[in-house]
Amino acid sequence: GVGGVGGGGGPGGRPRLQLLKRSVDAPPAAVPEPAERPSIFGAGKPQDIAAIEKRRAEAREKAAAEAKRRAAEAAAAKEASEKQAAAAAAAAAAAGNSHGHAHSDGAHGDGARG
């Protein structure tokens, strides 16, 4: 037969399967009650999504507050250093340095290098 191996009893090339009537010797397998049946999830518990989202929101708020505090500290430090630099420049100007910044090596751009 076409696509089959062996002798042919039917049009498909293989002998027809001989089925027997259903036997009713053994009772059907007992289906366990829902209380006995193990959970398909094992010991897993459902997650409390609301509590998880609340914790995440609190963490985001805490991180945002910390970032804001750090930015304020950085701005205050920058402002303090700018005031300190301005005070130093004013002191240098009062000491006779007319162009507003001090040179640690004493050179004023006259080409003398040491």
Foldseek 3Di string as FASTA:
>chain_A
DPPDDDAADDPVRHNDDDDDDDDCPDPDDDDDDPVPDADPVHPDDDDPVVVVVVVVVVVVVVVVVVVVVVVVVVVVVVVVVVVVLQVVQVVVCVVPPVPRDDDPVPDDPPPDDD
